Amino acid sequence: MENLQSSVLSILVLHGPNLNLLGQREPGIYGSLTLNAINDLLAATAENLGVEVVTLQSNHEGVLVDAIHGAVGKHQGVLINAGAYTHTSVALRDAIAAVNLPAVEVHLSNIYRREEFRHHSYLAAVVVGQISGFGARSYLLGLQALVHHLQAASSPELK
């Protein structure tokens, strides 16, 4: 792995289906912040961490798969809220495994306190870690954890 200390880390942030409706979609579960507000929080947190984030939201599984494939050589990690695809998409799981980029899975709600079908994540086995249940803060915690993981990988004294 290249020396990540000498260059700015770039993190691809992927938002899955229906997340474009944040702020109006079931605010009791997903909160009242819009996706744009979450992206603004991510940008501010990234600036404080000295990294850059590139965000993409899609309701289409193939667009997300293509974005993961395209991350190689452009980004050093992936922060992903795959939404409902978490529980259904072997394609997203395989894309993350194939590109071999560190990824962190995030969810606004605690998926383990919800319907039974949400308790299984196809992504969990191929990501560095998973953060759920902290609303928009899940994204920020996930970004911090991913940056720490990437920095520790390049500097053993940070582990």
N, C-alpha and C. Protein backbone atom coordinates (compact mmCIF):
# COMPACT_ATOMS: atom_id res chain seq x y z
N MET A 1 0.84 -1.18 0.00
CA MET A 1 0.00 0.00 0.00
C MET A 1 0.88 1.24 0.00
N GLU A 2 0.50 2.24 -0.76
CA GLU A 2 1.30 3.46 -0.82
C GLU A 2 1.28 4.16 0.53
N ASN A 3 2.23 5.06 0.74
CA ASN A 3 2.28 5.81 1.99
C ASN A 3 1.11 6.78 2.02
N LEU A 4 0.14 6.47 2.85
CA LEU A 4 -1.08 7.27 2.90
C LEU A 4 -0.87 8.58 3.65
N GLN A 5 0.22 8.69 4.40
CA GLN A 5 0.49 9.92 5.13
C GLN A 5 0.90 11.05 4.19
N SER A 6 1.50 10.73 3.04
CA SER A 6 2.03 11.76 2.16
C SER A 6 0.98 12.25 1.15
N SER A 7 -0.13 11.60 1.04
CA SER A 7 -1.16 12.03 0.11
C SER A 7 -2.49 12.11 0.84
N VAL A 8 -3.40 12.88 0.27
CA VAL A 8 -4.72 13.03 0.87
C VAL A 8 -5.53 11.77 0.60
N LEU A 9 -6.05 11.20 1.65
CA LEU A 9 -6.93 10.04 1.50
C LEU A 9 -8.23 10.47 0.84
N SER A 10 -8.74 9.63 -0.03
CA SER A 10 -10.02 9.88 -0.67
C SER A 10 -10.94 8.71 -0.34
N ILE A 11 -12.11 9.05 0.18
CA ILE A 11 -13.10 8.06 0.58
C ILE A 11 -14.33 8.20 -0.31
N LEU A 12 -14.76 7.10 -0.90
CA LEU A 12 -16.00 7.07 -1.66
C LEU A 12 -17.13 6.75 -0.69
N VAL A 13 -18.14 7.62 -0.65
CA VAL A 13 -19.31 7.43 0.21
C VAL A 13 -20.48 7.07 -0.69
N LEU A 14 -21.03 5.88 -0.47
CA LEU A 14 -22.16 5.40 -1.27
C LEU A 14 -23.43 5.35 -0.42
N HIS A 15 -24.48 5.93 -0.95
CA HIS A 15 -25.80 5.92 -0.32
C HIS A 15 -26.72 5.11 -1.23
N GLY A 16 -27.37 4.10 -0.68
CA GLY A 16 -28.21 3.23 -1.46
C GLY A 16 -29.63 3.72 -1.66
N PRO A 17 -30.52 2.79 -2.00
CA PRO A 17 -31.89 3.14 -2.40
C PRO A 17 -32.68 3.82 -1.29
N ASN A 18 -33.48 4.76 -1.71
CA ASN A 18 -34.42 5.51 -0.89
C ASN A 18 -33.77 6.53 0.04
N LEU A 19 -32.44 6.56 0.08
CA LEU A 19 -31.78 7.53 0.96
C LEU A 19 -31.89 8.94 0.41
N ASN A 20 -32.23 9.09 -0.87
CA ASN A 20 -32.52 10.41 -1.42
C ASN A 20 -33.78 11.01 -0.80
N LEU A 21 -34.57 10.20 -0.11
CA LEU A 21 -35.81 10.68 0.52
C LEU A 21 -35.63 11.02 2.00
N LEU A 22 -34.39 10.99 2.48
CA LEU A 22 -34.17 11.32 3.89
C LEU A 22 -34.70 12.71 4.19
N GLY A 23 -35.23 12.86 5.39
CA GLY A 23 -35.84 14.12 5.79
C GLY A 23 -37.35 14.09 5.66
N GLN A 24 -37.84 13.26 4.74
CA GLN A 24 -39.28 13.10 4.57
C GLN A 24 -39.72 11.65 4.76
N ARG A 25 -38.79 10.72 4.64
CA ARG A 25 -39.10 9.29 4.74
C ARG A 25 -39.00 8.83 6.19
N GLU A 26 -40.08 8.42 6.77
CA GLU A 26 -40.12 7.84 8.11
C GLU A 26 -39.12 8.49 9.07
N PRO A 27 -39.32 9.78 9.39
CA PRO A 27 -38.36 10.48 10.24
C PRO A 27 -38.20 9.87 11.62
N GLY A 28 -39.20 9.15 12.11
CA GLY A 28 -39.08 8.47 13.40
C GLY A 28 -38.02 7.38 13.38
N ILE A 29 -37.73 6.84 12.21
CA ILE A 29 -36.71 5.80 12.06
C ILE A 29 -35.41 6.39 11.54
N TYR A 30 -35.50 7.24 10.52
CA TYR A 30 -34.32 7.70 9.80
C TYR A 30 -33.88 9.12 10.14
N GLY A 31 -34.63 9.80 10.99
CA GLY A 31 -34.27 11.17 11.37
C GLY A 31 -34.82 12.19 10.41
N SER A 32 -34.56 13.45 10.72
CA SER A 32 -35.12 14.55 9.94
C SER A 32 -34.11 15.21 9.01
N LEU A 33 -32.84 14.81 9.09
CA LEU A 33 -31.84 15.39 8.21
C LEU A 33 -32.00 14.88 6.79
N THR A 34 -31.77 15.77 5.84
CA THR A 34 -31.79 15.37 4.43
C THR A 34 -30.45 14.73 4.07
N LEU A 35 -30.41 14.08 2.93
CA LEU A 35 -29.16 13.49 2.45
C LEU A 35 -28.13 14.59 2.19
N ASN A 36 -28.56 15.73 1.67
CA ASN A 36 -27.64 16.84 1.46
C ASN A 36 -27.02 17.32 2.77
N ALA A 37 -27.82 17.36 3.83
CA ALA A 37 -27.29 17.77 5.14
C ALA A 37 -26.28 16.75 5.65
N ILE A 38 -26.56 15.47 5.46
CA ILE A 38 -25.60 14.43 5.86
C ILE A 38 -24.31 14.55 5.05
N ASN A 39 -24.44 14.80 3.76
CA ASN A 39 -23.24 14.97 2.93
C ASN A 39 -22.44 16.19 3.38
N ASP A 40 -23.12 17.26 3.79
CA ASP A 40 -22.42 18.44 4.30
C ASP A 40 -21.67 18.11 5.59
N LEU A 41 -22.30 17.34 6.48
CA LEU A 41 -21.63 16.92 7.72
C LEU A 41 -20.42 16.05 7.40
N LEU A 42 -20.57 15.16 6.43
CA LEU A 42 -19.44 14.31 6.03
C LEU A 42 -18.30 15.16 5.47
N ALA A 43 -18.61 16.15 4.67
CA ALA A 43 -17.57 17.02 4.10
C ALA A 43 -16.84 17.78 5.20
N ALA A 44 -17.58 18.29 6.17
CA ALA A 44 -16.95 19.02 7.28
C ALA A 44 -16.07 18.09 8.11
N THR A 45 -16.56 16.90 8.38
CA THR A 45 -15.79 15.93 9.15
C THR A 45 -14.55 15.51 8.37
N ALA A 46 -14.70 15.30 7.08
CA ALA A 46 -13.56 14.93 6.23
C ALA A 46 -12.50 16.03 6.26
N GLU A 47 -12.93 17.28 6.17
CA GLU A 47 -11.98 18.39 6.21
C GLU A 47 -11.22 18.39 7.54
N ASN A 48 -11.92 18.17 8.63
CA ASN A 48 -11.26 18.11 9.95
C ASN A 48 -10.28 16.96 10.04
N LEU A 49 -10.57 15.87 9.34
CA LEU A 49 -9.69 14.70 9.34
C LEU A 49 -8.57 14.81 8.31
N GLY A 50 -8.65 15.81 7.45
CA GLY A 50 -7.63 15.97 6.41
C GLY A 50 -7.77 14.99 5.26
N VAL A 51 -9.01 14.58 4.99
CA VAL A 51 -9.28 13.66 3.89
C VAL A 51 -10.34 14.28 2.99
N GLU A 52 -10.57 13.64 1.85
CA GLU A 52 -11.66 14.09 0.98
C GLU A 52 -12.70 13.00 0.86
N VAL A 53 -13.94 13.41 0.65
CA VAL A 53 -15.01 12.45 0.41
C VAL A 53 -15.67 12.78 -0.92
N VAL A 54 -16.05 11.73 -1.61
CA VAL A 54 -16.82 11.84 -2.85
C VAL A 54 -18.09 11.03 -2.60
N THR A 55 -19.25 11.67 -2.75
CA THR A 55 -20.51 11.02 -2.42
C THR A 55 -21.30 10.68 -3.68
N LEU A 56 -22.06 9.60 -3.57
CA LEU A 56 -22.94 9.16 -4.66
C LEU A 56 -24.13 8.46 -4.04
N GLN A 57 -25.33 8.82 -4.47
CA GLN A 57 -26.55 8.12 -4.08
C GLN A 57 -27.17 7.54 -5.33
N SER A 58 -27.62 6.28 -5.22
CA SER A 58 -28.35 5.68 -6.33
C SER A 58 -29.38 4.70 -5.79
N ASN A 59 -30.48 4.65 -6.48
CA ASN A 59 -31.51 3.66 -6.21
C ASN A 59 -31.29 2.39 -7.03
N HIS A 60 -30.21 2.37 -7.82
CA HIS A 60 -29.96 1.27 -8.74
C HIS A 60 -28.72 0.49 -8.32
N GLU A 61 -28.90 -0.78 -8.10
CA GLU A 61 -27.83 -1.66 -7.64
C GLU A 61 -26.62 -1.63 -8.56
N GLY A 62 -26.84 -1.69 -9.86
CA GLY A 62 -25.74 -1.72 -10.81
C GLY A 62 -24.90 -0.45 -10.77
N VAL A 63 -25.53 0.69 -10.53
CA VAL A 63 -24.78 1.95 -10.42
C VAL A 63 -23.84 1.88 -9.22
N LEU A 64 -24.32 1.33 -8.12
CA LEU A 64 -23.48 1.20 -6.92
C LEU A 64 -22.34 0.21 -7.16
N VAL A 65 -22.63 -0.90 -7.83
CA VAL A 65 -21.59 -1.88 -8.16
C VAL A 65 -20.53 -1.22 -9.05
N ASP A 66 -20.98 -0.49 -10.08
CA ASP A 66 -20.03 0.19 -10.97
C ASP A 66 -19.18 1.20 -10.21
N ALA A 67 -19.78 1.91 -9.27
CA ALA A 67 -19.03 2.89 -8.47
C ALA A 67 -17.96 2.20 -7.63
N ILE A 68 -18.29 1.05 -7.06
CA ILE A 68 -17.30 0.30 -6.28
C ILE A 68 -16.16 -0.15 -7.18
N HIS A 69 -16.48 -0.69 -8.34
CA HIS A 69 -15.44 -1.10 -9.30
C HIS A 69 -14.56 0.10 -9.69
N GLY A 70 -15.19 1.23 -9.93
CA GLY A 70 -14.48 2.44 -10.35
C GLY A 70 -13.65 3.09 -9.26
N ALA A 71 -13.83 2.65 -8.02
CA ALA A 71 -13.10 3.26 -6.90
C ALA A 71 -11.62 2.88 -6.91
N VAL A 72 -11.29 1.77 -7.53
CA VAL A 72 -9.90 1.30 -7.55
C VAL A 72 -9.02 2.34 -8.24
N GLY A 73 -7.94 2.72 -7.57
CA GLY A 73 -7.02 3.70 -8.11
C GLY A 73 -7.43 5.14 -7.89
N LYS A 74 -8.67 5.37 -7.43
CA LYS A 74 -9.17 6.72 -7.17
C LYS A 74 -9.37 6.98 -5.68
N HIS A 75 -9.83 5.96 -4.97
CA HIS A 75 -10.17 6.09 -3.56
C HIS A 75 -9.44 5.01 -2.77
N GLN A 76 -9.18 5.32 -1.51
CA GLN A 76 -8.50 4.34 -0.66
C GLN A 76 -9.47 3.56 0.22
N GLY A 77 -10.72 3.99 0.28
CA GLY A 77 -11.71 3.28 1.09
C GLY A 77 -13.11 3.63 0.66
N VAL A 78 -14.06 2.83 1.15
CA VAL A 78 -15.48 3.01 0.81
C VAL A 78 -16.29 3.03 2.10
N LEU A 79 -17.12 4.05 2.23
CA LEU A 79 -18.10 4.13 3.31
C LEU A 79 -19.45 3.90 2.64
N ILE A 80 -20.18 2.88 3.09
CA ILE A 80 -21.41 2.52 2.37
C ILE A 80 -22.59 2.32 3.29
N ASN A 81 -23.69 2.98 2.94
CA ASN A 81 -25.00 2.67 3.49
C ASN A 81 -25.78 2.11 2.31
N ALA A 82 -25.81 0.81 2.21
CA ALA A 82 -26.46 0.16 1.07
C ALA A 82 -27.98 0.11 1.20
N GLY A 83 -28.51 0.67 2.30
CA GLY A 83 -29.95 0.64 2.49
C GLY A 83 -30.46 -0.78 2.43
N ALA A 84 -31.60 -0.98 1.79
CA ALA A 84 -32.20 -2.31 1.70
C ALA A 84 -31.33 -3.32 0.97
N TYR A 85 -30.41 -2.85 0.12
CA TYR A 85 -29.51 -3.79 -0.57
C TYR A 85 -28.59 -4.52 0.41
N THR A 86 -28.42 -3.97 1.59
CA THR A 86 -27.64 -4.65 2.64
C THR A 86 -28.13 -6.07 2.83
N HIS A 87 -29.43 -6.24 2.78
CA HIS A 87 -30.07 -7.50 3.14
C HIS A 87 -30.39 -8.39 1.93
N THR A 88 -30.08 -7.89 0.72
CA THR A 88 -30.47 -8.62 -0.48
C THR A 88 -29.38 -8.77 -1.52
N SER A 89 -28.33 -7.94 -1.47
CA SER A 89 -27.43 -7.86 -2.62
C SER A 89 -26.13 -8.62 -2.46
N VAL A 90 -26.09 -9.78 -3.08
CA VAL A 90 -24.84 -10.52 -3.20
C VAL A 90 -23.92 -9.76 -4.16
N ALA A 91 -24.48 -9.06 -5.13
CA ALA A 91 -23.68 -8.31 -6.10
C ALA A 91 -22.85 -7.23 -5.42
N LEU A 92 -23.43 -6.48 -4.49
CA LEU A 92 -22.67 -5.46 -3.76
C LEU A 92 -21.61 -6.11 -2.89
N ARG A 93 -21.95 -7.20 -2.24
CA ARG A 93 -20.99 -7.94 -1.41
C ARG A 93 -19.81 -8.39 -2.25
N ASP A 94 -20.09 -8.97 -3.41
CA ASP A 94 -19.03 -9.47 -4.28
C ASP A 94 -18.18 -8.33 -4.85
N ALA A 95 -18.79 -7.18 -5.13
CA ALA A 95 -18.04 -6.03 -5.65
C ALA A 95 -17.06 -5.53 -4.60
N ILE A 96 -17.50 -5.43 -3.35
CA ILE A 96 -16.60 -4.98 -2.28
C ILE A 96 -15.46 -5.97 -2.10
N ALA A 97 -15.78 -7.24 -2.11
CA ALA A 97 -14.74 -8.26 -1.97
C ALA A 97 -13.77 -8.22 -3.15
N ALA A 98 -14.27 -7.99 -4.35
CA ALA A 98 -13.45 -8.03 -5.55
C ALA A 98 -12.43 -6.91 -5.61
N VAL A 99 -12.81 -5.70 -5.18
CA VAL A 99 -11.89 -4.57 -5.33
C VAL A 99 -10.86 -4.51 -4.20
N ASN A 100 -11.13 -5.22 -3.12
CA ASN A 100 -10.18 -5.31 -2.02
C ASN A 100 -9.81 -3.94 -1.44
N LEU A 101 -10.78 -3.04 -1.38
CA LEU A 101 -10.60 -1.75 -0.71
C LEU A 101 -11.27 -1.83 0.65
N PRO A 102 -10.65 -1.29 1.69
CA PRO A 102 -11.31 -1.29 3.00
C PRO A 102 -12.64 -0.56 2.92
N ALA A 103 -13.66 -1.15 3.51
CA ALA A 103 -14.99 -0.55 3.50
C ALA A 103 -15.60 -0.63 4.89
N VAL A 104 -16.42 0.36 5.20
CA VAL A 104 -17.17 0.37 6.44
C VAL A 104 -18.64 0.52 6.07
N GLU A 105 -19.46 -0.32 6.67
CA GLU A 105 -20.91 -0.32 6.45
C GLU A 105 -21.57 0.52 7.54
N VAL A 106 -22.47 1.41 7.14
CA VAL A 106 -23.18 2.24 8.11
C VAL A 106 -24.68 2.18 7.86
N HIS A 107 -25.42 2.39 8.95
CA HIS A 107 -26.88 2.46 8.89
C HIS A 107 -27.36 3.51 9.87
N LEU A 108 -28.36 4.26 9.48
CA LEU A 108 -28.93 5.27 10.36
C LEU A 108 -29.62 4.63 11.56
N SER A 109 -30.39 3.59 11.30
CA SER A 109 -31.12 2.90 12.37
C SER A 109 -30.34 1.65 12.80
N ASN A 110 -30.67 1.15 13.95
CA ASN A 110 -30.06 -0.09 14.42
C ASN A 110 -30.79 -1.24 13.75
N ILE A 111 -30.15 -1.82 12.74
CA ILE A 111 -30.82 -2.85 11.94
C ILE A 111 -31.15 -4.09 12.77
N TYR A 112 -30.50 -4.28 13.89
CA TYR A 112 -30.74 -5.45 14.73
C TYR A 112 -31.91 -5.26 15.69
N ARG A 113 -32.46 -4.06 15.75
CA ARG A 113 -33.64 -3.78 16.56
C ARG A 113 -34.89 -3.63 15.69
N ARG A 114 -34.74 -3.96 14.43
CA ARG A 114 -35.84 -3.79 13.48
C ARG A 114 -36.36 -5.15 13.04
N GLU A 115 -37.04 -5.18 11.92
CA GLU A 115 -37.63 -6.41 11.41
C GLU A 115 -36.55 -7.48 11.24
N GLU A 116 -36.96 -8.72 11.42
CA GLU A 116 -36.02 -9.85 11.35
C GLU A 116 -35.22 -9.87 10.04
N PHE A 117 -35.88 -9.56 8.92
CA PHE A 117 -35.16 -9.64 7.64
C PHE A 117 -34.02 -8.64 7.55
N ARG A 118 -34.03 -7.60 8.38
CA ARG A 118 -32.95 -6.60 8.38
C ARG A 118 -31.76 -7.03 9.23
N HIS A 119 -31.87 -8.12 9.94
CA HIS A 119 -30.79 -8.54 10.85
C HIS A 119 -29.61 -9.17 10.11
N HIS A 120 -29.81 -9.53 8.86
CA HIS A 120 -28.72 -10.14 8.08
C HIS A 120 -28.14 -9.12 7.11
N SER A 121 -26.83 -8.99 7.11
CA SER A 121 -26.14 -8.13 6.17
C SER A 121 -25.22 -8.98 5.29
N TYR A 122 -25.43 -8.91 3.99
CA TYR A 122 -24.52 -9.59 3.06
C TYR A 122 -23.16 -8.91 3.05
N LEU A 123 -23.11 -7.65 3.44
CA LEU A 123 -21.86 -6.90 3.39
C LEU A 123 -20.96 -7.16 4.60
N ALA A 124 -21.53 -7.52 5.72
CA ALA A 124 -20.79 -7.59 6.98
C ALA A 124 -19.53 -8.44 6.89
N ALA A 125 -19.56 -9.52 6.15
CA ALA A 125 -18.41 -10.43 6.09
C ALA A 125 -17.25 -9.87 5.27
N VAL A 126 -17.48 -8.82 4.48
CA VAL A 126 -16.42 -8.31 3.61
C VAL A 126 -16.03 -6.86 3.92
N VAL A 127 -16.59 -6.29 4.97
CA VAL A 127 -16.24 -4.93 5.36
C VAL A 127 -15.37 -4.96 6.62
N VAL A 128 -14.65 -3.88 6.85
CA VAL A 128 -13.80 -3.75 8.03
C VAL A 128 -14.65 -3.73 9.29
N GLY A 129 -15.77 -3.02 9.23
CA GLY A 129 -16.65 -2.89 10.39
C GLY A 129 -18.00 -2.35 9.99
N GLN A 130 -18.87 -2.28 10.98
CA GLN A 130 -20.26 -1.89 10.76
C GLN A 130 -20.68 -0.98 11.91
N ILE A 131 -21.34 0.13 11.59
CA ILE A 131 -21.86 1.04 12.60
C ILE A 131 -23.31 1.32 12.28
N SER A 132 -24.18 1.12 13.27
CA SER A 132 -25.60 1.36 13.03
C SER A 132 -26.26 1.90 14.29
N GLY A 133 -27.36 2.61 14.06
CA GLY A 133 -28.20 3.02 15.17
C GLY A 133 -27.95 4.40 15.72
N PHE A 134 -27.04 5.17 15.15
CA PHE A 134 -26.72 6.49 15.68
C PHE A 134 -27.19 7.62 14.76
N GLY A 135 -28.16 7.33 13.92
CA GLY A 135 -28.66 8.35 13.01
C GLY A 135 -27.55 8.83 12.08
N ALA A 136 -27.56 10.10 11.75
CA ALA A 136 -26.55 10.66 10.85
C ALA A 136 -25.15 10.49 11.43
N ARG A 137 -25.03 10.44 12.73
CA ARG A 137 -23.73 10.25 13.37
C ARG A 137 -23.10 8.91 12.97
N SER A 138 -23.91 7.93 12.58
CA SER A 138 -23.35 6.66 12.10
C SER A 138 -22.38 6.89 10.94
N TYR A 139 -22.75 7.80 10.04
CA TYR A 139 -21.87 8.12 8.92
C TYR A 139 -20.55 8.73 9.41
N LEU A 140 -20.66 9.66 10.35
CA LEU A 140 -19.46 10.36 10.83
C LEU A 140 -18.55 9.41 11.60
N LEU A 141 -19.15 8.56 12.42
CA LEU A 141 -18.36 7.56 13.14
C LEU A 141 -17.72 6.57 12.17
N GLY A 142 -18.47 6.20 11.16
CA GLY A 142 -17.94 5.29 10.14
C GLY A 142 -16.78 5.90 9.38
N LEU A 143 -16.89 7.19 9.05
CA LEU A 143 -15.81 7.87 8.35
C LEU A 143 -14.57 7.93 9.25
N GLN A 144 -14.76 8.29 10.50
CA GLN A 144 -13.63 8.36 11.43
C GLN A 144 -12.96 6.99 11.57
N ALA A 145 -13.76 5.95 11.70
CA ALA A 145 -13.21 4.60 11.85
C ALA A 145 -12.45 4.17 10.60
N LEU A 146 -12.99 4.46 9.43
CA LEU A 146 -12.34 4.08 8.18
C LEU A 146 -11.01 4.82 8.01
N VAL A 147 -11.01 6.11 8.30
CA VAL A 147 -9.77 6.89 8.20
C VAL A 147 -8.74 6.35 9.18
N HIS A 148 -9.15 6.07 10.40
CA HIS A 148 -8.22 5.49 11.39
C HIS A 148 -7.66 4.17 10.88
N HIS A 149 -8.52 3.33 10.34
CA HIS A 149 -8.08 2.04 9.81
C HIS A 149 -7.04 2.21 8.70
N LEU A 150 -7.31 3.13 7.78
CA LEU A 150 -6.38 3.36 6.67
C LEU A 150 -5.06 3.94 7.15
N GLN A 151 -5.12 4.86 8.09
CA GLN A 151 -3.89 5.44 8.62
C GLN A 151 -3.09 4.41 9.41
N ALA A 152 -3.76 3.57 10.17
CA ALA A 152 -3.08 2.53 10.94
C ALA A 152 -2.43 1.51 10.00
N ALA A 153 -3.07 1.24 8.88
CA ALA A 153 -2.51 0.28 7.93
C ALA A 153 -1.19 0.80 7.35
N SER A 154 -1.06 2.11 7.23
CA SER A 154 0.16 2.67 6.65
C SER A 154 1.20 3.05 7.72
N SER A 155 0.77 3.12 8.98
CA SER A 155 1.67 3.48 10.08
C SER A 155 1.41 2.54 11.26
N PRO A 156 2.16 1.47 11.37
CA PRO A 156 1.90 0.47 12.42
C PRO A 156 1.84 1.07 13.83
N GLU A 157 2.52 2.19 14.06
CA GLU A 157 2.48 2.76 15.41
C GLU A 157 1.11 3.34 15.76
N LEU A 158 0.23 3.52 14.76
CA LEU A 158 -1.11 4.04 15.02
C LEU A 158 -2.12 2.95 15.34
N LYS A 159 -1.73 1.70 15.20
CA LYS A 159 -2.68 0.59 15.42
C LYS A 159 -3.10 0.52 16.86
